[in-house]
Amino acid sequence: AEGHFRLTHDGAIATLTLDRGERRNALTNATLAQLQGLAENLRDAAEIRAVIIRATGADFSVGMDLAAMGGGGAKTPTVQLRRSAELGSRVMRALREIPQPVICAVQGVATGGAACIATACDFRIGTIDARIGYGEVRLGINLMWQALPLAIQTVGLARAKRMVMTGALFDAATLLDWGFFDELVAPGEQDAAALKLAQEFAALPPIAVQMIKRSANAWAGALDAAIMHAD
């Protein structure tokens, strides 16, 4: 099975578009594996200076397609489900290690794994009707994919605890105030806003921009792997 991302180029800007609107952009293992590969390939794309991650349809993504996890079904071996979770961790690492600045354009709902993907990006632009939630706790699951440190780095400790421990959906205005979103725009304007920011980065000296990102991430996440190894 193939994933649901499309890669396009506009000069020095690469755009990854999640295109599974008929399923509210629910993520599958194949889609995650595809995203990991696309993210890793960007490391060698010297001509690319900025990256946009976006989605078609009314919602950014409702997260993992639970019916498809590990092949689906109540009899799916636990080890296979565990490998699905480990795939998510690899995707997060691949996104975090993209050298170029990464901007996520979010409309509608982004939950679970999709909220994690947005958190792994450098910047997030949301529509005023966007809602974000880490809903895993409501399924009796801790937040996996080694995403918890990134949530804490993005909104702070108490706010991250509140988001992750309640699993609730939080509105765009609150998340702008908390620092999850860098900018809010009217519905339909998120792509233009993301492109504008990407163009700003693309116009700057790429080595300096990419080394600053790398150093900042290394400092902020210095202990992540050691503490989160067991997730």
C-alpha atoms as a PDB file:
ATOM      1  CA  ALA A   1       0.000   0.000   0.000  1.00  0.00           C
ATOM      2  CA  GLU A   2       1.165   3.512  -0.739  1.00  0.00           C
ATOM      3  CA  GLY A   3       1.038   6.527   1.521  1.00  0.00           C
ATOM      4  CA  HIS A   4      -1.051   9.612   1.017  1.00  0.00           C
ATOM      5  CA  PHE A   5       1.550  12.386   0.846  1.00  0.00           C
ATOM      6  CA  ARG A   6       2.389  14.336  -2.316  1.00  0.00           C
ATOM      7  CA  LEU A   7       5.707  16.145  -2.688  1.00  0.00           C
ATOM      8  CA  THR A   8       5.837  19.278  -4.840  1.00  0.00           C
ATOM      9  CA  HIS A   9       8.512  21.914  -5.438  1.00  0.00           C
ATOM     10  CA  ASP A  10       8.217  25.649  -5.975  1.00  0.00           C
ATOM     11  CA  GLY A  11      11.749  26.935  -6.441  1.00  0.00           C
ATOM     12  CA  ALA A  12      13.581  26.485  -3.137  1.00  0.00           C
ATOM     13  CA  ILE A  13      10.430  25.502  -1.238  1.00  0.00           C
ATOM     14  CA  ALA A  14       9.232  21.901  -0.918  1.00  0.00           C
ATOM     15  CA  THR A  15       5.633  21.152   0.076  1.00  0.00           C
ATOM     16  CA  LEU A  16       4.407  17.862   1.544  1.00  0.00           C
ATOM     17  CA  THR A  17       0.633  17.562   1.165  1.00  0.00           C
ATOM     18  CA  LEU A  18      -1.413  14.956   3.038  1.00  0.00           C
ATOM     19  CA  ASP A  19      -4.205  14.035   0.646  1.00  0.00           C
ATOM     20  CA  ARG A  20      -6.712  11.608   2.138  1.00  0.00           C
ATOM     21  CA  GLY A  21      -9.593  14.000   2.660  1.00  0.00           C
ATOM     22  CA  GLU A  22     -12.234  11.328   2.244  1.00  0.00           C
ATOM     23  CA  ARG A  23     -10.968   9.751   5.500  1.00  0.00           C
ATOM     24  CA  ARG A  24     -10.279  13.093   7.215  1.00  0.00           C
ATOM     25  CA  ASN A  25      -6.609  12.507   6.407  1.00  0.00           C
ATOM     26  CA  ALA A  26      -6.352   9.597   8.854  1.00  0.00           C
ATOM     27  CA  LEU A  27      -2.813   8.240   8.976  1.00  0.00           C
ATOM     28  CA  THR A  28      -1.837   4.690   8.083  1.00  0.00           C
ATOM     29  CA  ASN A  29       1.434   2.863   8.643  1.00  0.00           C
ATOM     30  CA  ALA A  30       2.123   3.179   4.920  1.00  0.00           C
ATOM     31  CA  THR A  31       1.560   6.936   5.100  1.00  0.00           C
ATOM     32  CA  LEU A  32       3.905   7.249   8.090  1.00  0.00           C
ATOM     33  CA  ALA A  33       6.600   5.202   6.360  1.00  0.00           C
ATOM     34  CA  GLN A  34       6.238   7.397   3.278  1.00  0.00           C
ATOM     35  CA  LEU A  35       6.530  10.575   5.383  1.00  0.00           C
ATOM     36  CA  GLN A  36       9.646   9.235   7.069  1.00  0.00           C
ATOM     37  CA  GLY A  37      11.262   8.577   3.681  1.00  0.00           C
ATOM     38  CA  LEU A  38      10.314  11.981   2.286  1.00  0.00           C
ATOM     39  CA  ALA A  39      11.655  13.723   5.383  1.00  0.00           C
ATOM     40  CA  GLU A  40      14.951  11.826   5.248  1.00  0.00           C
ATOM     41  CA  ASN A  41      15.380  12.607   1.536  1.00  0.00           C
ATOM     42  CA  LEU A  42      15.147  16.332   2.267  1.00  0.00           C
ATOM     43  CA  ARG A  43      18.496  16.102   4.075  1.00  0.00           C
ATOM     44  CA  ASP A  44      20.210  15.635   0.727  1.00  0.00           C
ATOM     45  CA  ALA A  45      18.098  18.206  -1.143  1.00  0.00           C
ATOM     46  CA  ALA A  46      20.583  21.067  -1.024  1.00  0.00           C
ATOM     47  CA  GLU A  47      18.451  23.195  -3.336  1.00  0.00           C
ATOM     48  CA  ILE A  48      15.532  23.175  -0.857  1.00  0.00           C
ATOM     49  CA  ARG A  49      15.661  25.977   1.713  1.00  0.00           C
ATOM     50  CA  ALA A  50      12.256  25.659   3.395  1.00  0.00           C
ATOM     51  CA  VAL A  51       9.573  22.980   3.791  1.00  0.00           C
ATOM     52  CA  ILE A  52       5.795  23.234   4.205  1.00  0.00           C
ATOM     53  CA  ILE A  53       3.626  20.423   5.563  1.00  0.00           C
ATOM     54  CA  ARG A  54      -0.078  20.839   4.788  1.00  0.00           C
ATOM     55  CA  ALA A  55      -3.228  18.817   4.184  1.00  0.00           C
ATOM     56  CA  THR A  56      -6.225  18.936   1.880  1.00  0.00           C
ATOM     57  CA  GLY A  57      -9.833  19.020   3.057  1.00  0.00           C
ATOM     58  CA  ALA A  58     -11.551  20.485   6.095  1.00  0.00           C
ATOM     59  CA  ASP A  59      -9.287  18.855   8.695  1.00  0.00           C
ATOM     60  CA  PHE A  60      -5.523  18.574   8.890  1.00  0.00           C
ATOM     61  CA  SER A  61      -5.792  15.000  10.188  1.00  0.00           C
ATOM     62  CA  VAL A  62      -7.665  12.976  12.803  1.00  0.00           C
ATOM     63  CA  GLY A  63      -4.519  10.958  13.565  1.00  0.00           C
ATOM     64  CA  MET A  64      -3.938   7.268  13.217  1.00  0.00           C
ATOM     65  CA  ASP A  65      -6.525   5.199  11.388  1.00  0.00           C
ATOM     66  CA  LEU A  66      -7.032   2.808  14.304  1.00  0.00           C
ATOM     67  CA  ALA A  67      -8.753   0.272  12.061  1.00  0.00           C
ATOM     68  CA  ALA A  68      -5.556   0.017  10.025  1.00  0.00           C
ATOM     69  CA  MET A  69      -3.017  -0.067  12.883  1.00  0.00           C
ATOM     70  CA  GLY A  70      -0.915  -3.188  12.834  1.00  0.00           C
ATOM     71  CA  GLY A  71      -3.160  -4.650  10.165  1.00  0.00           C
ATOM     72  CA  GLY A  72      -6.327  -4.060  12.215  1.00  0.00           C
ATOM     73  CA  GLY A  73      -8.530  -6.470  14.054  1.00  0.00           C
ATOM     74  CA  ALA A  74      -8.739  -7.526  17.679  1.00  0.00           C
ATOM     75  CA  LYS A  75      -6.283 -10.374  17.083  1.00  0.00           C
ATOM     76  CA  THR A  76      -3.445  -8.183  15.858  1.00  0.00           C
ATOM     77  CA  PRO A  77      -0.305  -9.334  17.740  1.00  0.00           C
ATOM     78  CA  THR A  78       0.826  -6.876  20.386  1.00  0.00           C
ATOM     79  CA  VAL A  79       4.338  -6.912  18.940  1.00  0.00           C
ATOM     80  CA  GLN A  80       2.913  -5.683  15.637  1.00  0.00           C
ATOM     81  CA  LEU A  81       1.077  -2.834  17.381  1.00  0.00           C
ATOM     82  CA  ARG A  82       4.317  -1.986  19.182  1.00  0.00           C
ATOM     83  CA  ARG A  83       6.114  -1.749  15.832  1.00  0.00           C
ATOM     84  CA  SER A  84       3.436   0.639  14.622  1.00  0.00           C
ATOM     85  CA  ALA A  85       4.196   2.875  17.602  1.00  0.00           C
ATOM     86  CA  GLU A  86       7.935   2.660  16.911  1.00  0.00           C
ATOM     87  CA  LEU A  87       7.304   3.754  13.333  1.00  0.00           C
ATOM     88  CA  GLY A  88       5.735   6.906  14.746  1.00  0.00           C
ATOM     89  CA  SER A  89       8.888   7.594  16.758  1.00  0.00           C
ATOM     90  CA  ARG A  90      11.013   7.237  13.632  1.00  0.00           C
ATOM     91  CA  VAL A  91       8.769   9.653  11.750  1.00  0.00           C
ATOM     92  CA  MET A  92       9.099  12.210  14.541  1.00  0.00           C
ATOM     93  CA  ARG A  93      12.882  11.897  14.510  1.00  0.00           C
ATOM     94  CA  ALA A  94      12.998  12.213  10.720  1.00  0.00           C
ATOM     95  CA  LEU A  95      10.841  15.352  10.826  1.00  0.00           C
ATOM     96  CA  ARG A  96      12.907  16.876  13.622  1.00  0.00           C
ATOM     97  CA  GLU A  97      16.114  16.205  11.685  1.00  0.00           C
ATOM     98  CA  ILE A  98      15.004  17.884   8.450  1.00  0.00           C
ATOM     99  CA  PRO A  99      17.777  20.511   8.073  1.00  0.00           C
ATOM    100  CA  GLN A 100      15.556  23.167   6.529  1.00  0.00           C
ATOM    101  CA  PRO A 101      12.962  25.186   8.481  1.00  0.00           C
ATOM    102  CA  VAL A 102       9.635  23.301   8.468  1.00  0.00           C
ATOM    103  CA  ILE A 103       6.301  25.129   8.619  1.00  0.00           C
ATOM    104  CA  CYS A 104       3.064  23.264   9.314  1.00  0.00           C
ATOM    105  CA  ALA A 105      -0.225  24.713   8.041  1.00  0.00           C
ATOM    106  CA  VAL A 106      -3.113  23.417  10.145  1.00  0.00           C
ATOM    107  CA  GLN A 107      -6.840  23.757   9.429  1.00  0.00           C
ATOM    108  CA  GLY A 108      -9.729  22.181  11.292  1.00  0.00           C
ATOM    109  CA  VAL A 109      -8.854  19.296  13.581  1.00  0.00           C
ATOM    110  CA  ALA A 110      -5.406  17.817  14.214  1.00  0.00           C
ATOM    111  CA  THR A 111      -5.421  15.037  16.799  1.00  0.00           C
ATOM    112  CA  GLY A 112      -3.211  12.242  18.085  1.00  0.00           C
ATOM    113  CA  GLY A 113      -0.416  11.395  15.678  1.00  0.00           C
ATOM    114  CA  ALA A 114      -1.287  14.383  13.510  1.00  0.00           C
ATOM    115  CA  ALA A 115      -0.854  16.727  16.479  1.00  0.00           C
ATOM    116  CA  CYS A 116       2.520  15.056  17.054  1.00  0.00           C
ATOM    117  CA  ILE A 117       3.552  15.707  13.444  1.00  0.00           C
ATOM    118  CA  ALA A 118       2.625  19.377  13.808  1.00  0.00           C
ATOM    119  CA  THR A 119       4.587  19.560  17.070  1.00  0.00           C
ATOM    120  CA  ALA A 120       7.698  18.149  15.371  1.00  0.00           C
ATOM    121  CA  CYS A 121       7.749  21.053  12.903  1.00  0.00           C
ATOM    122  CA  ASP A 122       9.548  24.326  13.627  1.00  0.00           C
ATOM    123  CA  PHE A 123       6.569  26.627  13.139  1.00  0.00           C
ATOM    124  CA  ARG A 124       2.809  26.202  13.014  1.00  0.00           C
ATOM    125  CA  ILE A 125       0.254  28.399  11.273  1.00  0.00           C
ATOM    126  CA  GLY A 126      -3.349  27.667  12.155  1.00  0.00           C
ATOM    127  CA  THR A 127      -6.769  28.718  11.004  1.00  0.00           C
ATOM    128  CA  ILE A 128      -8.922  30.479  13.587  1.00  0.00           C
ATOM    129  CA  ASP A 129     -11.165  27.398  13.710  1.00  0.00           C
ATOM    130  CA  ALA A 130      -8.287  24.945  14.212  1.00  0.00           C
ATOM    131  CA  ARG A 131      -8.424  22.574  17.177  1.00  0.00           C
ATOM    132  CA  ILE A 132      -5.551  20.482  18.480  1.00  0.00           C
ATOM    133  CA  GLY A 133      -5.602  17.516  20.846  1.00  0.00           C
ATOM    134  CA  TYR A 134      -3.382  14.663  21.997  1.00  0.00           C
ATOM    135  CA  GLY A 135      -6.258  12.237  22.493  1.00  0.00           C
ATOM    136  CA  GLU A 136      -4.326   9.055  23.280  1.00  0.00           C
ATOM    137  CA  VAL A 137      -5.114   9.163  27.007  1.00  0.00           C
ATOM    138  CA  ARG A 138      -8.800   8.628  26.239  1.00  0.00           C
ATOM    139  CA  LEU A 139      -7.876   5.272  24.708  1.00  0.00           C
ATOM    140  CA  GLY A 140      -5.893   4.353  27.822  1.00  0.00           C
ATOM    141  CA  ILE A 141      -2.582   5.047  26.056  1.00  0.00           C
ATOM    142  CA  ASN A 142       0.239   7.355  27.121  1.00  0.00           C
ATOM    143  CA  LEU A 143       1.464   9.821  24.482  1.00  0.00           C
ATOM    144  CA  MET A 144       3.952   7.794  22.455  1.00  0.00           C
ATOM    145  CA  TRP A 145       6.100   8.561  19.409  1.00  0.00           C
ATOM    146  CA  GLN A 146       8.533  10.254  21.856  1.00  0.00           C
ATOM    147  CA  ALA A 147       6.381  13.344  21.350  1.00  0.00           C
ATOM    148  CA  LEU A 148       6.063  14.438  24.981  1.00  0.00           C
ATOM    149  CA  PRO A 149       9.354  16.396  25.145  1.00  0.00           C
ATOM    150  CA  LEU A 150       8.393  18.311  21.994  1.00  0.00           C
ATOM    151  CA  ALA A 151       4.993  19.166  23.459  1.00  0.00           C
ATOM    152  CA  ILE A 152       6.676  20.471  26.607  1.00  0.00           C
ATOM    153  CA  GLN A 153       9.208  22.462  24.577  1.00  0.00           C
ATOM    154  CA  THR A 154       6.376  23.978  22.537  1.00  0.00           C
ATOM    155  CA  VAL A 155       3.857  25.075  25.181  1.00  0.00           C
ATOM    156  CA  GLY A 156       5.634  24.611  28.521  1.00  0.00           C
ATOM    157  CA  LEU A 157       5.380  21.991  31.247  1.00  0.00           C
ATOM    158  CA  ALA A 158       2.011  22.670  32.903  1.00  0.00           C
ATOM    159  CA  ARG A 159       0.248  23.365  29.616  1.00  0.00           C
ATOM    160  CA  ALA A 160       1.695  20.233  28.009  1.00  0.00           C
ATOM    161  CA  LYS A 161       0.567  18.174  30.990  1.00  0.00           C
ATOM    162  CA  ARG A 162      -2.904  19.643  30.664  1.00  0.00           C
ATOM    163  CA  MET A 163      -3.104  18.932  26.932  1.00  0.00           C
ATOM    164  CA  VAL A 164      -1.717  15.408  27.118  1.00  0.00           C
ATOM    165  CA  MET A 165      -3.338  14.300  30.396  1.00  0.00           C
ATOM    166  CA  THR A 166      -6.855  15.467  29.432  1.00  0.00           C
ATOM    167  CA  GLY A 167      -6.734  14.542  25.753  1.00  0.00           C
ATOM    168  CA  ALA A 168      -9.109  17.445  25.124  1.00  0.00           C
ATOM    169  CA  LEU A 169      -9.278  19.532  21.970  1.00  0.00           C
ATOM    170  CA  PHE A 170      -7.872  23.039  22.484  1.00  0.00           C
ATOM    171  CA  ASP A 171      -8.965  26.014  20.402  1.00  0.00           C
ATOM    172  CA  ALA A 172      -6.705  28.059  18.163  1.00  0.00           C
ATOM    173  CA  ALA A 173      -6.829  31.280  20.210  1.00  0.00           C
ATOM    174  CA  THR A 174      -5.677  29.444  23.340  1.00  0.00           C
ATOM    175  CA  LEU A 175      -2.902  27.702  21.413  1.00  0.00           C
ATOM    176  CA  LEU A 176      -1.713  30.985  19.916  1.00  0.00           C
ATOM    177  CA  ASP A 177      -1.445  32.376  23.433  1.00  0.00           C
ATOM    178  CA  TRP A 178       0.408  29.265  24.590  1.00  0.00           C
ATOM    179  CA  GLY A 179       2.915  29.368  21.731  1.00  0.00           C
ATOM    180  CA  PHE A 180       1.756  26.278  19.868  1.00  0.00           C
ATOM    181  CA  PHE A 181       0.657  28.416  16.940  1.00  0.00           C
ATOM    182  CA  ASP A 182       2.904  31.192  15.676  1.00  0.00           C
ATOM    183  CA  GLU A 183       0.163  32.847  13.651  1.00  0.00           C
ATOM    184  CA  LEU A 184      -3.588  32.504  13.086  1.00  0.00           C
ATOM    185  CA  VAL A 185      -5.340  33.250   9.798  1.00  0.00           C
ATOM    186  CA  ALA A 186      -8.833  32.973   8.346  1.00  0.00           C
ATOM    187  CA  PRO A 187      -9.847  29.545   7.018  1.00  0.00           C
ATOM    188  CA  GLY A 188      -8.417  29.080   3.540  1.00  0.00           C
ATOM    189  CA  GLU A 189      -5.508  31.481   4.102  1.00  0.00           C
ATOM    190  CA  GLN A 190      -3.194  29.056   5.887  1.00  0.00           C
ATOM    191  CA  ASP A 191      -1.353  27.949   2.743  1.00  0.00           C
ATOM    192  CA  ALA A 192      -0.596  31.524   1.666  1.00  0.00           C
ATOM    193  CA  ALA A 193       0.637  32.390   5.159  1.00  0.00           C
ATOM    194  CA  ALA A 194       2.844  29.304   5.282  1.00  0.00           C
ATOM    195  CA  LEU A 195       4.269  30.126   1.851  1.00  0.00           C
ATOM    196  CA  LYS A 196       5.034  33.703   2.917  1.00  0.00           C
ATOM    197  CA  LEU A 197       6.988  32.480   5.954  1.00  0.00           C
ATOM    198  CA  ALA A 198       8.752  29.818   3.868  1.00  0.00           C
ATOM    199  CA  GLN A 199       9.809  32.478   1.370  1.00  0.00           C
ATOM    200  CA  GLU A 200      11.289  34.567   4.188  1.00  0.00           C
ATOM    201  CA  PHE A 201      13.471  31.641   5.241  1.00  0.00           C
ATOM    202  CA  ALA A 202      14.323  30.694   1.651  1.00  0.00           C
ATOM    203  CA  ALA A 203      15.753  34.186   1.113  1.00  0.00           C
ATOM    204  CA  LEU A 204      18.228  33.832   3.995  1.00  0.00           C
ATOM    205  CA  PRO A 205      21.707  32.198   3.930  1.00  0.00           C
ATOM    206  CA  PRO A 206      20.825  28.500   4.149  1.00  0.00           C
ATOM    207  CA  ILE A 207      23.849  27.173   6.050  1.00  0.00           C
ATOM    208  CA  ALA A 208      23.428  29.725   8.840  1.00  0.00           C
ATOM    209  CA  VAL A 209      19.671  29.123   9.091  1.00  0.00           C
ATOM    210  CA  GLN A 210      20.062  25.342   9.152  1.00  0.00           C
ATOM    211  CA  MET A 211      22.887  25.344  11.694  1.00  0.00           C
ATOM    212  CA  ILE A 212      20.889  27.602  14.020  1.00  0.00           C
ATOM    213  CA  LYS A 213      17.960  25.198  13.802  1.00  0.00           C
ATOM    214  CA  ARG A 214      20.197  22.208  14.418  1.00  0.00           C
ATOM    215  CA  SER A 215      21.914  23.804  17.423  1.00  0.00           C
ATOM    216  CA  ALA A 216      18.636  25.012  18.935  1.00  0.00           C
ATOM    217  CA  ASN A 217      17.054  21.573  18.607  1.00  0.00           C
ATOM    218  CA  ALA A 218      20.149  19.884  20.038  1.00  0.00           C
ATOM    219  CA  TRP A 219      20.065  22.164  23.083  1.00  0.00           C
ATOM    220  CA  ALA A 220      16.308  21.883  23.655  1.00  0.00           C
ATOM    221  CA  GLY A 221      16.231  18.104  23.216  1.00  0.00           C
ATOM    222  CA  ALA A 222      19.566  17.139  24.754  1.00  0.00           C
ATOM    223  CA  LEU A 223      18.049  14.648  27.201  1.00  0.00           C
ATOM    224  CA  ASP A 224      15.053  13.509  25.156  1.00  0.00           C
ATOM    225  CA  ALA A 225      16.421  10.174  23.952  1.00  0.00           C
ATOM    226  CA  ALA A 226      17.889   9.221  27.330  1.00  0.00           C
ATOM    227  CA  ILE A 227      14.671   9.887  29.237  1.00  0.00           C
ATOM    228  CA  MET A 228      12.134   8.802  26.641  1.00  0.00           C
ATOM    229  CA  HIS A 229      13.804   5.597  25.433  1.00  0.00           C
ATOM    230  CA  ALA A 230      11.046   3.458  26.963  1.00  0.00           C
ATOM    231  CA  ASP A 231       8.289   5.876  25.904  1.00  0.00           C
END
